């Protein structure tokens, strides 16, 4: 359970870093709640940016499987 909790916290921190980069923030908040993060991710521009990042990661994963 502790491992899953830590993994969840890391996911929230990583998503917050991605959001901060996409929204042009210079400082990344260290402690952010899941609710605050979800509110920030409702921004349509941020959603498009995240989907683009996910598509790129998927393409990289597919290419590494093939080659």
PDB file of N, CA and C in Angstrom:
ATOM      1  N   UNK A   1       0.829  -1.199   0.000  1.00  0.00           N
ATOM      2  CA  UNK A   1       0.000   0.000   0.000  1.00  0.00           C
ATOM      3  C   UNK A   1       0.873   1.262   0.000  1.00  0.00           C
ATOM      4  N   UNK A   2       1.958   1.215   0.763  1.00  0.00           N
ATOM      5  CA  UNK A   2       2.857   2.372   0.801  1.00  0.00           C
ATOM      6  C   UNK A   2       3.487   2.605  -0.568  1.00  0.00           C
ATOM      7  N   UNK A   3       3.823   1.510  -1.262  1.00  0.00           N
ATOM      8  CA  UNK A   3       4.402   1.622  -2.597  1.00  0.00           C
ATOM      9  C   UNK A   3       3.419   2.280  -3.556  1.00  0.00           C
ATOM     10  N   UNK A   4       2.157   1.856  -3.524  1.00  0.00           N
ATOM     11  CA  UNK A   4       1.145   2.441  -4.410  1.00  0.00           C
ATOM     12  C   UNK A   4       0.913   3.909  -4.091  1.00  0.00           C
ATOM     13  N   UNK A   5       0.954   4.247  -2.811  1.00  0.00           N
ATOM     14  CA  UNK A   5       0.782   5.643  -2.412  1.00  0.00           C
ATOM     15  C   UNK A   5       1.920   6.503  -2.952  1.00  0.00           C
ATOM     16  N   UNK A   6       3.141   5.995  -2.867  1.00  0.00           N
ATOM     17  CA  UNK A   6       4.292   6.732  -3.386  1.00  0.00           C
ATOM     18  C   UNK A   6       4.222   6.864  -4.906  1.00  0.00           C
ATOM     19  N   UNK A   7       3.798   5.808  -5.591  1.00  0.00           N
ATOM     20  CA  UNK A   7       3.653   5.858  -7.046  1.00  0.00           C
ATOM     21  C   UNK A   7       2.612   6.901  -7.444  1.00  0.00           C
ATOM     22  N   UNK A   8       1.505   6.960  -6.702  1.00  0.00           N
ATOM     23  CA  UNK A   8       0.456   7.938  -6.966  1.00  0.00           C
ATOM     24  C   UNK A   8       0.988   9.354  -6.765  1.00  0.00           C
ATOM     25  N   UNK A   9       1.739   9.569  -5.692  1.00  0.00           N
ATOM     26  CA  UNK A   9       2.305  10.891  -5.425  1.00  0.00           C
ATOM     27  C   UNK A   9       3.284  11.290  -6.523  1.00  0.00           C
ATOM     28  N   UNK A  10       4.091  10.339  -6.999  1.00  0.00           N
ATOM     29  CA  UNK A  10       5.029  10.634  -8.087  1.00  0.00           C
ATOM     30  C   UNK A  10       4.283  10.985  -9.368  1.00  0.00           C
ATOM     31  N   UNK A  11       3.204  10.284  -9.654  1.00  0.00           N
ATOM     32  CA  UNK A  11       2.408  10.573 -10.844  1.00  0.00           C
ATOM     33  C   UNK A  11       1.829  11.980 -10.776  1.00  0.00           C
ATOM     34  N   UNK A  12       1.312  12.356  -9.614  1.00  0.00           N
ATOM     35  CA  UNK A  12       0.751  13.697  -9.443  1.00  0.00           C
ATOM     36  C   UNK A  12       1.847  14.747  -9.626  1.00  0.00           C
ATOM     37  N   UNK A  13       3.023  14.530  -9.035  1.00  0.00           N
ATOM     38  CA  UNK A  13       4.129  15.493  -9.186  1.00  0.00           C
ATOM     39  C   UNK A  13       4.570  15.603 -10.643  1.00  0.00           C
ATOM     40  N   UNK A  14       4.704  14.474 -11.318  1.00  0.00           N
ATOM     41  CA  UNK A  14       5.142  14.500 -12.718  1.00  0.00           C
ATOM     42  C   UNK A  14       4.128  15.195 -13.609  1.00  0.00           C
ATOM     43  N   UNK A  15       2.852  14.934 -13.379  1.00  0.00           N
ATOM     44  CA  UNK A  15       1.806  15.592 -14.161  1.00  0.00           C
ATOM     45  C   UNK A  15       1.812  17.090 -13.897  1.00  0.00           C
ATOM     46  N   UNK A  16       2.066  17.487 -12.650  1.00  0.00           N
ATOM     47  CA  UNK A  16       2.137  18.901 -12.319  1.00  0.00           C
ATOM     48  C   UNK A  16       3.312  19.568 -13.024  1.00  0.00           C
ATOM     49  N   UNK A  17       4.437  18.880 -13.121  1.00  0.00           N
ATOM     50  CA  UNK A  17       5.596  19.435 -13.829  1.00  0.00           C
ATOM     51  C   UNK A  17       5.262  19.624 -15.301  1.00  0.00           C
ATOM     52  N   UNK A  18       4.625  18.633 -15.913  1.00  0.00           N
ATOM     53  CA  UNK A  18       4.225  18.744 -17.321  1.00  0.00           C
ATOM     54  C   UNK A  18       3.264  19.907 -17.499  1.00  0.00           C
ATOM     55  N   UNK A  19       2.278  20.029 -16.598  1.00  0.00           N
ATOM     56  CA  UNK A  19       1.328  21.143 -16.675  1.00  0.00           C
ATOM     57  C   UNK A  19       2.068  22.474 -16.583  1.00  0.00           C
ATOM     58  N   UNK A  20       2.993  22.581 -15.639  1.00  0.00           N
ATOM     59  CA  UNK A  20       3.713  23.841 -15.443  1.00  0.00           C
ATOM     60  C   UNK A  20       4.506  24.229 -16.682  1.00  0.00           C
ATOM     61  N   UNK A  21       5.135  23.252 -17.310  1.00  0.00           N
ATOM     62  CA  UNK A  21       5.897  23.531 -18.529  1.00  0.00           C
ATOM     63  C   UNK A  21       4.962  23.973 -19.646  1.00  0.00           C
ATOM     64  N   UNK A  22       3.848  23.257 -19.814  1.00  0.00           N
ATOM     65  CA  UNK A  22       2.918  23.587 -20.898  1.00  0.00           C
ATOM     66  C   UNK A  22       2.237  24.934 -20.698  1.00  0.00           C
ATOM     67  N   UNK A  23       2.032  25.329 -19.440  1.00  0.00           N
ATOM     68  CA  UNK A  23       1.354  26.597 -19.187  1.00  0.00           C
ATOM     69  C   UNK A  23       2.328  27.759 -19.060  1.00  0.00           C
ATOM     70  N   UNK A  24       3.628  27.476 -19.166  1.00  0.00           N
ATOM     71  CA  UNK A  24       4.620  28.543 -19.152  1.00  0.00           C
ATOM     72  C   UNK A  24       5.021  29.025 -17.775  1.00  0.00           C
ATOM     73  N   UNK A  25       4.709  28.283 -16.735  1.00  0.00           N
ATOM     74  CA  UNK A  25       5.105  28.684 -15.388  1.00  0.00           C
ATOM     75  C   UNK A  25       6.600  28.470 -15.218  1.00  0.00           C
ATOM     76  N   UNK A  26       7.228  29.397 -14.487  1.00  0.00           N
ATOM     77  CA  UNK A  26       8.659  29.259 -14.241  1.00  0.00           C
ATOM     78  C   UNK A  26       8.938  28.450 -12.990  1.00  0.00           C
ATOM     79  N   UNK A  27       7.999  28.439 -12.044  1.00  0.00           N
ATOM     80  CA  UNK A  27       8.201  27.723 -10.789  1.00  0.00           C
ATOM     81  C   UNK A  27       7.172  26.601 -10.685  1.00  0.00           C
ATOM     82  N   UNK A  28       7.637  25.429 -10.290  1.00  0.00           N
ATOM     83  CA  UNK A  28       6.764  24.273 -10.128  1.00  0.00           C
ATOM     84  C   UNK A  28       6.459  24.118  -8.651  1.00  0.00           C
ATOM     85  N   UNK A  29       5.175  24.009  -8.320  1.00  0.00           N
ATOM     86  CA  UNK A  29       4.784  23.814  -6.930  1.00  0.00           C
ATOM     87  C   UNK A  29       5.170  22.413  -6.481  1.00  0.00           C
ATOM     88  N   UNK A  30       5.728  22.310  -5.261  1.00  0.00           N
ATOM     89  CA  UNK A  30       6.136  21.005  -4.747  1.00  0.00           C
ATOM     90  C   UNK A  30       4.948  20.197  -4.247  1.00  0.00           C
ATOM     91  N   UNK A  31       4.099  20.814  -3.475  1.00  0.00           N
ATOM     92  CA  UNK A  31       2.960  20.097  -2.903  1.00  0.00           C
ATOM     93  C   UNK A  31       1.680  20.584  -3.556  1.00  0.00           C
ATOM     94  N   UNK A  32       1.036  19.708  -4.260  1.00  0.00           N
ATOM     95  CA  UNK A  32      -0.209  20.050  -4.931  1.00  0.00           C
ATOM     96  C   UNK A  32      -1.182  18.906  -4.712  1.00  0.00           C
ATOM     97  N   UNK A  33      -2.428  19.253  -4.484  1.00  0.00           N
ATOM     98  CA  UNK A  33      -3.422  18.202  -4.266  1.00  0.00           C
ATOM     99  C   UNK A  33      -3.943  17.713  -5.610  1.00  0.00           C
ATOM    100  N   UNK A  34      -4.499  16.527  -5.593  1.00  0.00           N
ATOM    101  CA  UNK A  34      -5.053  15.958  -6.820  1.00  0.00           C
ATOM    102  C   UNK A  34      -6.190  16.829  -7.345  1.00  0.00           C
ATOM    103  N   UNK A  35      -7.003  17.383  -6.460  1.00  0.00           N
ATOM    104  CA  UNK A  35      -8.104  18.251  -6.872  1.00  0.00           C
ATOM    105  C   UNK A  35      -7.620  19.502  -7.589  1.00  0.00           C
ATOM    106  N   UNK A  36      -6.569  20.128  -7.043  1.00  0.00           N
ATOM    107  CA  UNK A  36      -5.999  21.316  -7.691  1.00  0.00           C
ATOM    108  C   UNK A  36      -5.432  20.974  -9.061  1.00  0.00           C
ATOM    109  N   UNK A  37      -4.771  19.832  -9.135  1.00  0.00           N
ATOM    110  CA  UNK A  37      -4.194  19.410 -10.405  1.00  0.00           C
ATOM    111  C   UNK A  37      -5.278  19.165 -11.442  1.00  0.00           C
ATOM    112  N   UNK A  38      -6.355  18.515 -11.045  1.00  0.00           N
ATOM    113  CA  UNK A  38      -7.448  18.248 -11.986  1.00  0.00           C
ATOM    114  C   UNK A  38      -8.095  19.540 -12.465  1.00  0.00           C
ATOM    115  N   UNK A  39      -8.214  20.528 -11.573  1.00  0.00           N
ATOM    116  CA  UNK A  39      -8.772  21.824 -11.983  1.00  0.00           C
ATOM    117  C   UNK A  39      -7.870  22.488 -13.024  1.00  0.00           C
ATOM    118  N   UNK A  40      -6.570  22.399 -12.821  1.00  0.00           N
ATOM    119  CA  UNK A  40      -5.631  23.000 -13.766  1.00  0.00           C
ATOM    120  C   UNK A  40      -5.666  22.285 -15.108  1.00  0.00           C
ATOM    121  N   UNK A  41      -5.870  20.978 -15.074  1.00  0.00           N
ATOM    122  CA  UNK A  41      -5.857  20.197 -16.309  1.00  0.00           C
ATOM    123  C   UNK A  41      -7.129  20.373 -17.136  1.00  0.00           C
ATOM    124  N   UNK A  42      -8.117  21.075 -16.614  1.00  0.00           N
ATOM    125  CA  UNK A  42      -9.334  21.331 -17.384  1.00  0.00           C
ATOM    126  C   UNK A  42      -9.126  22.394 -18.456  1.00  0.00           C
ATOM    127  N   UNK A  43      -7.982  23.041 -18.456  1.00  0.00           N
ATOM    128  CA  UNK A  43      -7.654  24.030 -19.477  1.00  0.00           C
ATOM    129  C   UNK A  43      -7.504  23.314 -20.822  1.00  0.00           C
ATOM    130  N   UNK A  44      -8.270  23.712 -21.854  1.00  0.00           N
ATOM    131  CA  UNK A  44      -8.224  23.018 -23.150  1.00  0.00           C
ATOM    132  C   UNK A  44      -6.837  23.006 -23.788  1.00  0.00           C
ATOM    133  N   UNK A  45      -6.073  24.089 -23.644  1.00  0.00           N
ATOM    134  CA  UNK A  45      -4.728  24.125 -24.226  1.00  0.00           C
ATOM    135  C   UNK A  45      -3.814  23.109 -23.553  1.00  0.00           C
ATOM    136  N   UNK A  46      -3.953  22.981 -22.246  1.00  0.00           N
ATOM    137  CA  UNK A  46      -3.135  22.017 -21.514  1.00  0.00           C
ATOM    138  C   UNK A  46      -3.527  20.596 -21.901  1.00  0.00           C
ATOM    139  N   UNK A  47      -4.819  20.351 -22.074  1.00  0.00           N
ATOM    140  CA  UNK A  47      -5.275  19.019 -22.500  1.00  0.00           C
ATOM    141  C   UNK A  47      -4.680  18.656 -23.857  1.00  0.00           C
ATOM    142  N   UNK A  48      -4.708  19.598 -24.792  1.00  0.00           N
ATOM    143  CA  UNK A  48      -4.137  19.338 -26.118  1.00  0.00           C
ATOM    144  C   UNK A  48      -2.642  19.057 -26.017  1.00  0.00           C
ATOM    145  N   UNK A  49      -1.954  19.820 -25.188  1.00  0.00           N
ATOM    146  CA  UNK A  49      -0.523  19.606 -25.013  1.00  0.00           C
ATOM    147  C   UNK A  49      -0.213  18.254 -24.399  1.00  0.00           C
ATOM    148  N   UNK A  50      -1.007  17.850 -23.403  1.00  0.00           N
ATOM    149  CA  UNK A  50      -0.795  16.542 -22.780  1.00  0.00           C
ATOM    150  C   UNK A  50      -1.061  15.415 -23.764  1.00  0.00           C
ATOM    151  N   UNK A  51      -2.119  15.547 -24.559  1.00  0.00           N
ATOM    152  CA  UNK A  51      -2.411  14.514 -25.554  1.00  0.00           C
ATOM    153  C   UNK A  51      -1.286  14.428 -26.588  1.00  0.00           C
ATOM    154  N   UNK A  52      -0.706  15.564 -26.949  1.00  0.00           N
ATOM    155  CA  UNK A  52       0.422  15.559 -27.879  1.00  0.00           C
ATOM    156  C   UNK A  52       1.622  14.834 -27.270  1.00  0.00           C
ATOM    157  N   UNK A  53       1.919  15.133 -25.994  1.00  0.00           N
ATOM    158  CA  UNK A  53       3.025  14.452 -25.313  1.00  0.00           C
ATOM    159  C   UNK A  53       2.768  12.953 -25.260  1.00  0.00           C
ATOM    160  N   UNK A  54       1.532  12.554 -24.952  1.00  0.00           N
ATOM    161  CA  UNK A  54       1.200  11.126 -24.887  1.00  0.00           C
ATOM    162  C   UNK A  54       1.335  10.453 -26.248  1.00  0.00           C
ATOM    163  N   UNK A  55       0.925  11.151 -27.328  1.00  0.00           N
ATOM    164  CA  UNK A  55       1.070  10.587 -28.673  1.00  0.00           C
ATOM    165  C   UNK A  55       2.540  10.390 -29.026  1.00  0.00           C
ATOM    166  N   UNK A  56       3.366  11.360 -28.646  1.00  0.00           N
ATOM    167  CA  UNK A  56       4.799  11.246 -28.919  1.00  0.00           C
ATOM    168  C   UNK A  56       5.391  10.069 -28.159  1.00  0.00           C
ATOM    169  N   UNK A  57       5.020   9.933 -26.878  1.00  0.00           N
ATOM    170  CA  UNK A  57       5.528   8.811 -26.081  1.00  0.00           C
ATOM    171  C   UNK A  57       5.057   7.473 -26.640  1.00  0.00           C
ATOM    172  N   UNK A  58       3.818   7.434 -27.128  1.00  0.00           N
ATOM    173  CA  UNK A  58       3.298   6.199 -27.722  1.00  0.00           C
ATOM    174  C   UNK A  58       4.071   5.858 -28.994  1.00  0.00           C
ATOM    175  N   UNK A  59       4.359   6.867 -29.809  1.00  0.00           N
ATOM    176  CA  UNK A  59       5.121   6.631 -31.038  1.00  0.00           C
ATOM    177  C   UNK A  59       6.532   6.147 -30.722  1.00  0.00           C
ATOM    178  N   UNK A  60       7.144   6.716 -29.703  1.00  0.00           N
ATOM    179  CA  UNK A  60       8.483   6.276 -29.302  1.00  0.00           C
ATOM    180  C   UNK A  60       8.434   4.831 -28.819  1.00  0.00           C
ATOM    181  N   UNK A  61       7.413   4.500 -28.031  1.00  0.00           N
ATOM    182  CA  UNK A  61       7.267   3.130 -27.544  1.00  0.00           C
ATOM    183  C   UNK A  61       7.045   2.143 -28.669  1.00  0.00           C
ATOM    184  N   UNK A  62       6.228   2.520 -29.651  1.00  0.00           N
ATOM    185  CA  UNK A  62       5.973   1.640 -30.797  1.00  0.00           C
ATOM    186  C   UNK A  62       7.237   1.448 -31.622  1.00  0.00           C
ATOM    187  N   UNK A  63       7.995   2.516 -31.806  1.00  0.00           N
ATOM    188  CA  UNK A  63       9.228   2.423 -32.592  1.00  0.00           C
ATOM    189  C   UNK A  63      10.264   1.554 -31.888  1.00  0.00           C
ATOM    190  N   UNK A  64      10.312   1.640 -30.567  1.00  0.00           N
ATOM    191  CA  UNK A  64      11.306   0.834 -29.851  1.00  0.00           C
ATOM    192  C   UNK A  64      10.933  -0.644 -29.861  1.00  0.00           C
ATOM    193  N   UNK A  65       9.645  -0.959 -29.928  1.00  0.00           N
ATOM    194  CA  UNK A  65       9.216  -2.357 -30.015  1.00  0.00           C
ATOM    195  C   UNK A  65       9.571  -2.953 -31.374  1.00  0.00           C
ATOM    196  N   UNK A  66       9.451  -2.133 -32.417  1.00  0.00           N
ATOM    197  CA  UNK A  66       9.712  -2.610 -33.779  1.00  0.00           C
ATOM    198  C   UNK A  66      11.199  -2.709 -34.084  1.00  0.00           C
ATOM    199  N   UNK A  67      11.978  -1.817 -33.510  1.00  0.00           N
ATOM    200  CA  UNK A  67      13.365  -1.770 -33.928  1.00  0.00           C
ATOM    201  C   UNK A  67      14.300  -2.135 -32.868  1.00  0.00           C
TER     202      UNK A  67
END
